[in-house]
Amino acid sequence: MENTSGQGTLSQLPPEIRGWNWGAFFLNWIWGLGNSTYIALLCLIPFVNIVMIFILGAKGNQWAWQNKRWNSIEHFKRVQTNWGIAGFIVFIISVLIGIL
């Protein structure tokens, strides 16, 4: 399949990157800035943020593929996995700080 990333709505989403994006869910607006997905800034609006994190989790891979040029599918998957790991670490640290 040809790499069509970064072409907006003209981008063809490869089947292997469909699915939930944990980085977008956990790091929402920060992930959005890093992936040129500026709709994620809606997470800064109270009450909207509650719904938006779930939308980002569900649509994150699609929007990141459409909004930013990636070297390959493997590159995309590697970067998004790193976002997910970072987001999970931030979540765990936040929970631990909240408990203390």
PDB file of N, CA and C in Angstrom:
ATOM      1  N   MET A   1       0.836  -1.180   0.000  1.00  0.00           N
ATOM      2  CA  MET A   1       0.000   0.000   0.000  1.00  0.00           C
ATOM      3  C   MET A   1       0.882   1.245   0.000  1.00  0.00           C
ATOM      4  N   GLU A   2       0.495   2.217  -0.770  1.00  0.00           N
ATOM      5  CA  GLU A   2       1.236   3.476  -0.870  1.00  0.00           C
ATOM      6  C   GLU A   2       1.065   4.282   0.423  1.00  0.00           C
ATOM      7  N   ASN A   3       2.112   4.974   0.828  1.00  0.00           N
ATOM      8  CA  ASN A   3       2.078   5.818   2.015  1.00  0.00           C
ATOM      9  C   ASN A   3       1.372   7.128   1.662  1.00  0.00           C
ATOM     10  N   THR A   4       0.146   7.285   2.166  1.00  0.00           N
ATOM     11  CA  THR A   4      -0.631   8.496   1.899  1.00  0.00           C
ATOM     12  C   THR A   4      -0.746   9.376   3.139  1.00  0.00           C
ATOM     13  N   SER A   5       0.097   9.143   4.126  1.00  0.00           N
ATOM     14  CA  SER A   5       0.001   9.917   5.362  1.00  0.00           C
ATOM     15  C   SER A   5       0.234  11.399   5.086  1.00  0.00           C
ATOM     16  N   GLY A   6      -0.384  12.227   5.912  1.00  0.00           N
ATOM     17  CA  GLY A   6      -0.198  13.662   5.814  1.00  0.00           C
ATOM     18  C   GLY A   6      -0.985  14.345   4.714  1.00  0.00           C
ATOM     19  N   GLN A   7      -1.879  13.622   4.064  1.00  0.00           N
ATOM     20  CA  GLN A   7      -2.653  14.192   2.958  1.00  0.00           C
ATOM     21  C   GLN A   7      -4.075  14.547   3.364  1.00  0.00           C
ATOM     22  N   GLY A   8      -4.304  14.728   4.647  1.00  0.00           N
ATOM     23  CA  GLY A   8      -5.634  15.096   5.122  1.00  0.00           C
ATOM     24  C   GLY A   8      -6.654  14.014   4.834  1.00  0.00           C
ATOM     25  N   THR A   9      -7.844  14.433   4.437  1.00  0.00           N
ATOM     26  CA  THR A   9      -8.921  13.468   4.201  1.00  0.00           C
ATOM     27  C   THR A   9      -8.664  12.593   2.982  1.00  0.00           C
ATOM     28  N   LEU A  10      -7.677  12.942   2.174  1.00  0.00           N
ATOM     29  CA  LEU A  10      -7.319  12.112   1.018  1.00  0.00           C
ATOM     30  C   LEU A  10      -6.487  10.894   1.425  1.00  0.00           C
ATOM     31  N   SER A  11      -5.987  10.899   2.660  1.00  0.00           N
ATOM     32  CA  SER A  11      -5.162   9.793   3.145  1.00  0.00           C
ATOM     33  C   SER A  11      -5.972   8.512   3.250  1.00  0.00           C
ATOM     34  N   GLN A  12      -5.380   7.427   2.802  1.00  0.00           N
ATOM     35  CA  GLN A  12      -5.969   6.102   2.964  1.00  0.00           C
ATOM     36  C   GLN A  12      -5.422   5.500   4.258  1.00  0.00           C
ATOM     37  N   LEU A  13      -6.303   5.188   5.193  1.00  0.00           N
ATOM     38  CA  LEU A  13      -5.870   4.633   6.473  1.00  0.00           C
ATOM     39  C   LEU A  13      -5.557   3.149   6.318  1.00  0.00           C
ATOM     40  N   PRO A  14      -4.292   2.765   6.529  1.00  0.00           N
ATOM     41  CA  PRO A  14      -3.942   1.343   6.430  1.00  0.00           C
ATOM     42  C   PRO A  14      -4.676   0.526   7.500  1.00  0.00           C
ATOM     43  N   PRO A  15      -5.150  -0.652   7.127  1.00  0.00           N
ATOM     44  CA  PRO A  15      -5.903  -1.485   8.088  1.00  0.00           C
ATOM     45  C   PRO A  15      -5.113  -1.812   9.352  1.00  0.00           C
ATOM     46  N   GLU A  16      -3.794  -1.941   9.237  1.00  0.00           N
ATOM     47  CA  GLU A  16      -2.991  -2.348  10.397  1.00  0.00           C
ATOM     48  C   GLU A  16      -2.837  -1.253  11.452  1.00  0.00           C
ATOM     49  N   ILE A  17      -3.264  -0.030  11.171  1.00  0.00           N
ATOM     50  CA  ILE A  17      -3.171   1.013  12.201  1.00  0.00           C
ATOM     51  C   ILE A  17      -4.539   1.428  12.726  1.00  0.00           C
ATOM     52  N   ARG A  18      -5.571   0.750  12.296  1.00  0.00           N
ATOM     53  CA  ARG A  18      -6.904   1.050  12.841  1.00  0.00           C
ATOM     54  C   ARG A  18      -6.954   0.575  14.290  1.00  0.00           C
ATOM     55  N   GLY A  19      -7.715   1.273  15.104  1.00  0.00           N
ATOM     56  CA  GLY A  19      -7.870   0.849  16.493  1.00  0.00           C
ATOM     57  C   GLY A  19      -7.665   1.985  17.472  1.00  0.00           C
ATOM     58  N   TRP A  20      -7.664   1.617  18.718  1.00  0.00           N
ATOM     59  CA  TRP A  20      -7.582   2.560  19.824  1.00  0.00           C
ATOM     60  C   TRP A  20      -6.179   3.145  19.935  1.00  0.00           C
ATOM     61  N   ASN A  21      -6.102   4.433  20.285  1.00  0.00           N
ATOM     62  CA  ASN A  21      -4.820   5.105  20.474  1.00  0.00           C
ATOM     63  C   ASN A  21      -4.711   5.534  21.934  1.00  0.00           C
ATOM     64  N   TRP A  22      -3.917   4.798  22.701  1.00  0.00           N
ATOM     65  CA  TRP A  22      -3.768   5.088  24.127  1.00  0.00           C
ATOM     66  C   TRP A  22      -3.017   6.385  24.383  1.00  0.00           C
ATOM     67  N   GLY A  23      -2.085   6.726  23.538  1.00  0.00           N
ATOM     68  CA  GLY A  23      -1.366   7.990  23.701  1.00  0.00           C
ATOM     69  C   GLY A  23      -2.304   9.178  23.580  1.00  0.00           C
ATOM     70  N   ALA A  24      -3.194   9.129  22.599  1.00  0.00           N
ATOM     71  CA  ALA A  24      -4.170  10.202  22.413  1.00  0.00           C
ATOM     72  C   ALA A  24      -5.134  10.252  23.600  1.00  0.00           C
ATOM     73  N   PHE A  25      -5.499   9.104  24.127  1.00  0.00           N
ATOM     74  CA  PHE A  25      -6.414   9.045  25.267  1.00  0.00           C
ATOM     75  C   PHE A  25      -5.782   9.626  26.532  1.00  0.00           C
ATOM     76  N   PHE A  26      -4.565   9.180  26.861  1.00  0.00           N
ATOM     77  CA  PHE A  26      -3.922   9.605  28.100  1.00  0.00           C
ATOM     78  C   PHE A  26      -3.317  11.009  28.026  1.00  0.00           C
ATOM     79  N   LEU A  27      -2.715  11.358  26.915  1.00  0.00           N
ATOM     80  CA  LEU A  27      -2.000  12.640  26.822  1.00  0.00           C
ATOM     81  C   LEU A  27      -2.741  13.692  26.001  1.00  0.00           C
ATOM     82  N   ASN A  28      -3.915  13.372  25.552  1.00  0.00           N
ATOM     83  CA  ASN A  28      -4.832  14.174  24.753  1.00  0.00           C
ATOM     84  C   ASN A  28      -4.248  15.427  24.090  1.00  0.00           C
ATOM     85  N   TRP A  29      -4.309  16.598  24.684  1.00  0.00           N
ATOM     86  CA  TRP A  29      -3.905  17.812  23.968  1.00  0.00           C
ATOM     87  C   TRP A  29      -2.401  17.844  23.680  1.00  0.00           C
ATOM     88  N   ILE A  30      -1.599  17.243  24.548  1.00  0.00           N
ATOM     89  CA  ILE A  30      -0.153  17.192  24.303  1.00  0.00           C
ATOM     90  C   ILE A  30       0.118  16.293  23.097  1.00  0.00           C
ATOM     91  N   TRP A  31      -0.548  15.147  23.066  1.00  0.00           N
ATOM     92  CA  TRP A  31      -0.445  14.248  21.917  1.00  0.00           C
ATOM     93  C   TRP A  31      -0.898  14.968  20.649  1.00  0.00           C
ATOM     94  N   GLY A  32      -1.977  15.729  20.744  1.00  0.00           N
ATOM     95  CA  GLY A  32      -2.503  16.452  19.594  1.00  0.00           C
ATOM     96  C   GLY A  32      -1.488  17.425  19.011  1.00  0.00           C
ATOM     97  N   LEU A  33      -0.790  18.156  19.852  1.00  0.00           N
ATOM     98  CA  LEU A  33       0.245  19.078  19.360  1.00  0.00           C
ATOM     99  C   LEU A  33       1.371  18.318  18.688  1.00  0.00           C
ATOM    100  N   GLY A  34       1.781  17.210  19.278  1.00  0.00           N
ATOM    101  CA  GLY A  34       2.875  16.415  18.726  1.00  0.00           C
ATOM    102  C   GLY A  34       2.529  15.698  17.442  1.00  0.00           C
ATOM    103  N   ASN A  35       1.240  15.518  17.175  1.00  0.00           N
ATOM    104  CA  ASN A  35       0.803  14.789  15.991  1.00  0.00           C
ATOM    105  C   ASN A  35       0.010  15.663  15.022  1.00  0.00           C
ATOM    106  N   SER A  36       0.135  16.977  15.169  1.00  0.00           N
ATOM    107  CA  SER A  36      -0.545  17.945  14.295  1.00  0.00           C
ATOM    108  C   SER A  36      -2.051  17.721  14.236  1.00  0.00           C
ATOM    109  N   THR A  37      -2.624  17.308  15.353  1.00  0.00           N
ATOM    110  CA  THR A  37      -4.057  17.052  15.447  1.00  0.00           C
ATOM    111  C   THR A  37      -4.627  18.066  16.438  1.00  0.00           C
ATOM    112  N   TYR A  38      -4.857  19.269  15.940  1.00  0.00           N
ATOM    113  CA  TYR A  38      -5.160  20.396  16.811  1.00  0.00           C
ATOM    114  C   TYR A  38      -6.575  20.374  17.376  1.00  0.00           C
ATOM    115  N   ILE A  39      -7.425  19.509  16.869  1.00  0.00           N
ATOM    116  CA  ILE A  39      -8.755  19.356  17.460  1.00  0.00           C
ATOM    117  C   ILE A  39      -8.633  18.843  18.896  1.00  0.00           C
ATOM    118  N   ALA A  40      -7.508  18.243  19.223  1.00  0.00           N
ATOM    119  CA  ALA A  40      -7.271  17.747  20.576  1.00  0.00           C
ATOM    120  C   ALA A  40      -7.234  18.882  21.595  1.00  0.00           C
ATOM    121  N   LEU A  41      -7.042  20.103  21.147  1.00  0.00           N
ATOM    122  CA  LEU A  41      -7.031  21.247  22.068  1.00  0.00           C
ATOM    123  C   LEU A  41      -8.406  21.474  22.701  1.00  0.00           C
ATOM    124  N   LEU A  42      -9.443  20.845  22.151  1.00  0.00           N
ATOM    125  CA  LEU A  42     -10.764  20.915  22.780  1.00  0.00           C
ATOM    126  C   LEU A  42     -10.750  20.277  24.169  1.00  0.00           C
ATOM    127  N   CYS A  43      -9.728  19.485  24.451  1.00  0.00           N
ATOM    128  CA  CYS A  43      -9.597  18.876  25.776  1.00  0.00           C
ATOM    129  C   CYS A  43      -9.316  19.921  26.852  1.00  0.00           C
ATOM    130  N   LEU A  44      -8.988  21.119  26.473  1.00  0.00           N
ATOM    131  CA  LEU A  44      -8.729  22.184  27.436  1.00  0.00           C
ATOM    132  C   LEU A  44     -10.018  22.878  27.879  1.00  0.00           C
ATOM    133  N   ILE A  45     -11.138  22.528  27.281  1.00  0.00           N
ATOM    134  CA  ILE A  45     -12.431  23.124  27.619  1.00  0.00           C
ATOM    135  C   ILE A  45     -13.144  22.208  28.614  1.00  0.00           C
ATOM    136  N   PRO A  46     -13.496  22.763  29.787  1.00  0.00           N
ATOM    137  CA  PRO A  46     -14.186  21.929  30.782  1.00  0.00           C
ATOM    138  C   PRO A  46     -15.454  21.295  30.212  1.00  0.00           C
ATOM    139  N   PHE A  47     -15.741  20.110  30.638  1.00  0.00           N
ATOM    140  CA  PHE A  47     -16.875  19.273  30.243  1.00  0.00           C
ATOM    141  C   PHE A  47     -16.711  18.684  28.838  1.00  0.00           C
ATOM    142  N   VAL A  48     -16.195  19.466  27.912  1.00  0.00           N
ATOM    143  CA  VAL A  48     -15.924  18.941  26.564  1.00  0.00           C
ATOM    144  C   VAL A  48     -14.813  17.902  26.669  1.00  0.00           C
ATOM    145  N   ASN A  49     -13.860  18.153  27.561  1.00  0.00           N
ATOM    146  CA  ASN A  49     -12.706  17.264  27.701  1.00  0.00           C
ATOM    147  C   ASN A  49     -13.094  15.839  28.067  1.00  0.00           C
ATOM    148  N   ILE A  50     -14.169  15.683  28.824  1.00  0.00           N
ATOM    149  CA  ILE A  50     -14.587  14.347  29.250  1.00  0.00           C
ATOM    150  C   ILE A  50     -14.964  13.485  28.041  1.00  0.00           C
ATOM    151  N   VAL A  51     -15.653  14.073  27.104  1.00  0.00           N
ATOM    152  CA  VAL A  51     -16.061  13.353  25.896  1.00  0.00           C
ATOM    153  C   VAL A  51     -14.894  13.265  24.913  1.00  0.00           C
ATOM    154  N   MET A  52     -14.127  14.342  24.818  1.00  0.00           N
ATOM    155  CA  MET A  52     -13.076  14.435  23.805  1.00  0.00           C
ATOM    156  C   MET A  52     -11.976  13.392  23.989  1.00  0.00           C
ATOM    157  N   ILE A  53     -11.652  13.024  25.224  1.00  0.00           N
ATOM    158  CA  ILE A  53     -10.591  12.031  25.402  1.00  0.00           C
ATOM    159  C   ILE A  53     -10.980  10.689  24.790  1.00  0.00           C
ATOM    160  N   PHE A  54     -12.269  10.357  24.843  1.00  0.00           N
ATOM    161  CA  PHE A  54     -12.720   9.100  24.254  1.00  0.00           C
ATOM    162  C   PHE A  54     -12.757   9.188  22.725  1.00  0.00           C
ATOM    163  N   ILE A  55     -13.115  10.348  22.216  1.00  0.00           N
ATOM    164  CA  ILE A  55     -13.083  10.555  20.762  1.00  0.00           C
ATOM    165  C   ILE A  55     -11.650  10.466  20.263  1.00  0.00           C
ATOM    166  N   LEU A  56     -10.711  11.076  20.993  1.00  0.00           N
ATOM    167  CA  LEU A  56      -9.300  11.002  20.601  1.00  0.00           C
ATOM    168  C   LEU A  56      -8.783   9.569  20.643  1.00  0.00           C
ATOM    169  N   GLY A  57      -9.170   8.821  21.654  1.00  0.00           N
ATOM    170  CA  GLY A  57      -8.755   7.424  21.728  1.00  0.00           C
ATOM    171  C   GLY A  57      -9.231   6.632  20.525  1.00  0.00           C
ATOM    172  N   ALA A  58     -10.475   6.876  20.135  1.00  0.00           N
ATOM    173  CA  ALA A  58     -11.063   6.132  19.022  1.00  0.00           C
ATOM    174  C   ALA A  58     -10.579   6.605  17.657  1.00  0.00           C
ATOM    175  N   LYS A  59     -10.412   7.899  17.477  1.00  0.00           N
ATOM    176  CA  LYS A  59     -10.065   8.461  16.169  1.00  0.00           C
ATOM    177  C   LYS A  59      -8.592   8.879  16.061  1.00  0.00           C
ATOM    178  N   GLY A  60      -7.842   8.740  17.131  1.00  0.00           N
ATOM    179  CA  GLY A  60      -6.473   9.237  17.174  1.00  0.00           C
ATOM    180  C   GLY A  60      -5.573   8.729  16.061  1.00  0.00           C
ATOM    181  N   ASN A  61      -5.596   7.430  15.807  1.00  0.00           N
ATOM    182  CA  ASN A  61      -4.734   6.878  14.754  1.00  0.00           C
ATOM    183  C   ASN A  61      -5.089   7.462  13.392  1.00  0.00           C
ATOM    184  N   GLN A  62      -6.370   7.545  13.120  1.00  0.00           N
ATOM    185  CA  GLN A  62      -6.809   8.092  11.835  1.00  0.00           C
ATOM    186  C   GLN A  62      -6.372   9.544  11.680  1.00  0.00           C
ATOM    187  N   TRP A  63      -6.616  10.352  12.690  1.00  0.00           N
ATOM    188  CA  TRP A  63      -6.269  11.773  12.596  1.00  0.00           C
ATOM    189  C   TRP A  63      -4.767  11.988  12.524  1.00  0.00           C
ATOM    190  N   ALA A  64      -4.005  11.223  13.300  1.00  0.00           N
ATOM    191  CA  ALA A  64      -2.543  11.367  13.261  1.00  0.00           C
ATOM    192  C   ALA A  64      -2.009  10.976  11.881  1.00  0.00           C
ATOM    193  N   TRP A  65      -2.554   9.924  11.274  1.00  0.00           N
ATOM    194  CA  TRP A  65      -2.127   9.494   9.948  1.00  0.00           C
ATOM    195  C   TRP A  65      -2.471  10.550   8.900  1.00  0.00           C
ATOM    196  N   GLN A  66      -3.633  11.157   9.035  1.00  0.00           N
ATOM    197  CA  GLN A  66      -4.072  12.162   8.066  1.00  0.00           C
ATOM    198  C   GLN A  66      -3.322  13.486   8.210  1.00  0.00           C
ATOM    199  N   ASN A  67      -2.973  13.852   9.426  1.00  0.00           N
ATOM    200  CA  ASN A  67      -2.459  15.199   9.684  1.00  0.00           C
ATOM    201  C   ASN A  67      -0.946  15.328   9.671  1.00  0.00           C
ATOM    202  N   LYS A  68      -0.242  14.234   9.657  1.00  0.00           N
ATOM    203  CA  LYS A  68       1.225  14.296   9.727  1.00  0.00           C
ATOM    204  C   LYS A  68       1.821  13.289   8.760  1.00  0.00           C
ATOM    205  N   ARG A  69       2.923  13.645   8.156  1.00  0.00           N
ATOM    206  CA  ARG A  69       3.618  12.750   7.227  1.00  0.00           C
ATOM    207  C   ARG A  69       4.481  11.782   8.024  1.00  0.00           C
ATOM    208  N   TRP A  70       4.330  10.489   7.738  1.00  0.00           N
ATOM    209  CA  TRP A  70       5.078   9.434   8.417  1.00  0.00           C
ATOM    210  C   TRP A  70       5.954   8.714   7.396  1.00  0.00           C
ATOM    211  N   ASN A  71       7.123   8.239   7.834  1.00  0.00           N
ATOM    212  CA  ASN A  71       8.043   7.532   6.935  1.00  0.00           C
ATOM    213  C   ASN A  71       7.466   6.210   6.440  1.00  0.00           C
ATOM    214  N   SER A  72       6.733   5.533   7.332  1.00  0.00           N
ATOM    215  CA  SER A  72       6.174   4.219   6.997  1.00  0.00           C
ATOM    216  C   SER A  72       5.125   3.856   8.048  1.00  0.00           C
ATOM    217  N   ILE A  73       4.431   2.779   7.793  1.00  0.00           N
ATOM    218  CA  ILE A  73       3.462   2.280   8.777  1.00  0.00           C
ATOM    219  C   ILE A  73       4.185   1.853  10.050  1.00  0.00           C
ATOM    220  N   GLU A  74       5.341   1.225   9.890  1.00  0.00           N
ATOM    221  CA  GLU A  74       6.123   0.783  11.050  1.00  0.00           C
ATOM    222  C   GLU A  74       6.557   1.976  11.889  1.00  0.00           C
ATOM    223  N   HIS A  75       6.988   3.044  11.228  1.00  0.00           N
ATOM    224  CA  HIS A  75       7.386   4.270  11.921  1.00  0.00           C
ATOM    225  C   HIS A  75       6.199   4.821  12.707  1.00  0.00           C
ATOM    226  N   PHE A  76       5.040   4.890  12.066  1.00  0.00           N
ATOM    227  CA  PHE A  76       3.823   5.373  12.719  1.00  0.00           C
ATOM    228  C   PHE A  76       3.505   4.541  13.957  1.00  0.00           C
ATOM    229  N   LYS A  77       3.504   3.228  13.802  1.00  0.00           N
ATOM    230  CA  LYS A  77       3.167   2.340  14.911  1.00  0.00           C
ATOM    231  C   LYS A  77       4.162   2.475  16.059  1.00  0.00           C
ATOM    232  N   ARG A  78       5.444   2.600  15.729  1.00  0.00           N
ATOM    233  CA  ARG A  78       6.474   2.744  16.756  1.00  0.00           C
ATOM    234  C   ARG A  78       6.274   4.041  17.549  1.00  0.00           C
ATOM    235  N   VAL A  79       6.031   5.141  16.847  1.00  0.00           N
ATOM    236  CA  VAL A  79       5.840   6.431  17.511  1.00  0.00           C
ATOM    237  C   VAL A  79       4.570   6.418  18.366  1.00  0.00           C
ATOM    238  N   GLN A  80       3.485   5.868  17.836  1.00  0.00           N
ATOM    239  CA  GLN A  80       2.234   5.837  18.599  1.00  0.00           C
ATOM    240  C   GLN A  80       2.339   4.909  19.811  1.00  0.00           C
ATOM    241  N   THR A  81       3.098   3.835  19.690  1.00  0.00           N
ATOM    242  CA  THR A  81       3.341   2.965  20.841  1.00  0.00           C
ATOM    243  C   THR A  81       4.089   3.721  21.923  1.00  0.00           C
ATOM    244  N   ASN A  82       5.086   4.501  21.524  1.00  0.00           N
ATOM    245  CA  ASN A  82       5.833   5.316  22.488  1.00  0.00           C
ATOM    246  C   ASN A  82       4.936   6.337  23.173  1.00  0.00           C
ATOM    247  N   TRP A  83       4.028   6.964  22.418  1.00  0.00           N
ATOM    248  CA  TRP A  83       3.058   7.884  23.013  1.00  0.00           C
ATOM    249  C   TRP A  83       2.200   7.150  24.045  1.00  0.00           C
ATOM    250  N   GLY A  84       1.771   5.954  23.713  1.00  0.00           N
ATOM    251  CA  GLY A  84       0.950   5.177  24.634  1.00  0.00           C
ATOM    252  C   GLY A  84       1.684   4.834  25.912  1.00  0.00           C
ATOM    253  N   ILE A  85       2.928   4.423  25.789  1.00  0.00           N
ATOM    254  CA  ILE A  85       3.740   4.094  26.969  1.00  0.00           C
ATOM    255  C   ILE A  85       3.942   5.329  27.833  1.00  0.00           C
ATOM    256  N   ALA A  86       4.285   6.439  27.202  1.00  0.00           N
ATOM    257  CA  ALA A  86       4.479   7.691  27.944  1.00  0.00           C
ATOM    258  C   ALA A  86       3.187   8.106  28.647  1.00  0.00           C
ATOM    259  N   GLY A  87       2.076   7.979  27.955  1.00  0.00           N
ATOM    260  CA  GLY A  87       0.794   8.337  28.555  1.00  0.00           C
ATOM    261  C   GLY A  87       0.453   7.477  29.747  1.00  0.00           C
ATOM    262  N   PHE A  88       0.725   6.180  29.641  1.00  0.00           N
ATOM    263  CA  PHE A  88       0.452   5.272  30.745  1.00  0.00           C
ATOM    264  C   PHE A  88       1.332   5.592  31.949  1.00  0.00           C
ATOM    265  N   ILE A  89       2.590   5.909  31.691  1.00  0.00           N
ATOM    266  CA  ILE A  89       3.504   6.278  32.783  1.00  0.00           C
ATOM    267  C   ILE A  89       3.022   7.544  33.483  1.00  0.00           C
ATOM    268  N   VAL A  90       2.631   8.543  32.710  1.00  0.00           N
ATOM    269  CA  VAL A  90       2.103   9.786  33.294  1.00  0.00           C
ATOM    270  C   VAL A  90       0.846   9.498  34.109  1.00  0.00           C
ATOM    271  N   PHE A  91      -0.013   8.634  33.596  1.00  0.00           N
ATOM    272  CA  PHE A  91      -1.240   8.264  34.324  1.00  0.00           C
ATOM    273  C   PHE A  91      -0.901   7.611  35.665  1.00  0.00           C
ATOM    274  N   ILE A  92       0.004   6.647  35.656  1.00  0.00           N
ATOM    275  CA  ILE A  92       0.383   5.940  36.886  1.00  0.00           C
ATOM    276  C   ILE A  92       0.996   6.913  37.887  1.00  0.00           C
ATOM    277  N   ILE A  93       1.870   7.780  37.427  1.00  0.00           N
ATOM    278  CA  ILE A  93       2.484   8.774  38.333  1.00  0.00           C
ATOM    279  C   ILE A  93       1.418   9.684  38.908  1.00  0.00           C
ATOM    280  N   SER A  94       0.460  10.100  38.110  1.00  0.00           N
ATOM    281  CA  SER A  94      -0.626  10.968  38.585  1.00  0.00           C
ATOM    282  C   SER A  94      -1.456  10.255  39.645  1.00  0.00           C
ATOM    283  N   VAL A  95      -1.751   8.994  39.434  1.00  0.00           N
ATOM    284  CA  VAL A  95      -2.515   8.230  40.424  1.00  0.00           C
ATOM    285  C   VAL A  95      -1.726   8.106  41.723  1.00  0.00           C
ATOM    286  N   LEU A  96      -0.450   7.807  41.613  1.00  0.00           N
ATOM    287  CA  LEU A  96       0.381   7.676  42.820  1.00  0.00           C
ATOM    288  C   LEU A  96       0.467   8.992  43.586  1.00  0.00           C
ATOM    289  N   ILE A  97       0.606  10.093  42.872  1.00  0.00           N
ATOM    290  CA  ILE A  97       0.646  11.409  43.534  1.00  0.00           C
ATOM    291  C   ILE A  97      -0.700  11.703  44.176  1.00  0.00           C
ATOM    292  N   GLY A  98      -1.787  11.334  43.498  1.00  0.00           N
ATOM    293  CA  GLY A  98      -3.119  11.535  44.049  1.00  0.00           C
ATOM    294  C   GLY A  98      -3.352  10.749  45.323  1.00  0.00           C
ATOM    295  N   ILE A  99      -2.798   9.555  45.390  1.00  0.00           N
ATOM    296  CA  ILE A  99      -2.945   8.705  46.579  1.00  0.00           C
ATOM    297  C   ILE A  99      -2.173   9.293  47.764  1.00  0.00           C
ATOM    298  N   LEU A 100      -0.993   9.849  47.462  1.00  0.00           N
ATOM    299  CA  LEU A 100      -0.160  10.400  48.526  1.00  0.00           C
ATOM    300  C   LEU A 100      -0.764  11.703  48.977  1.00  0.00           C
TER     301      LEU A 100
END
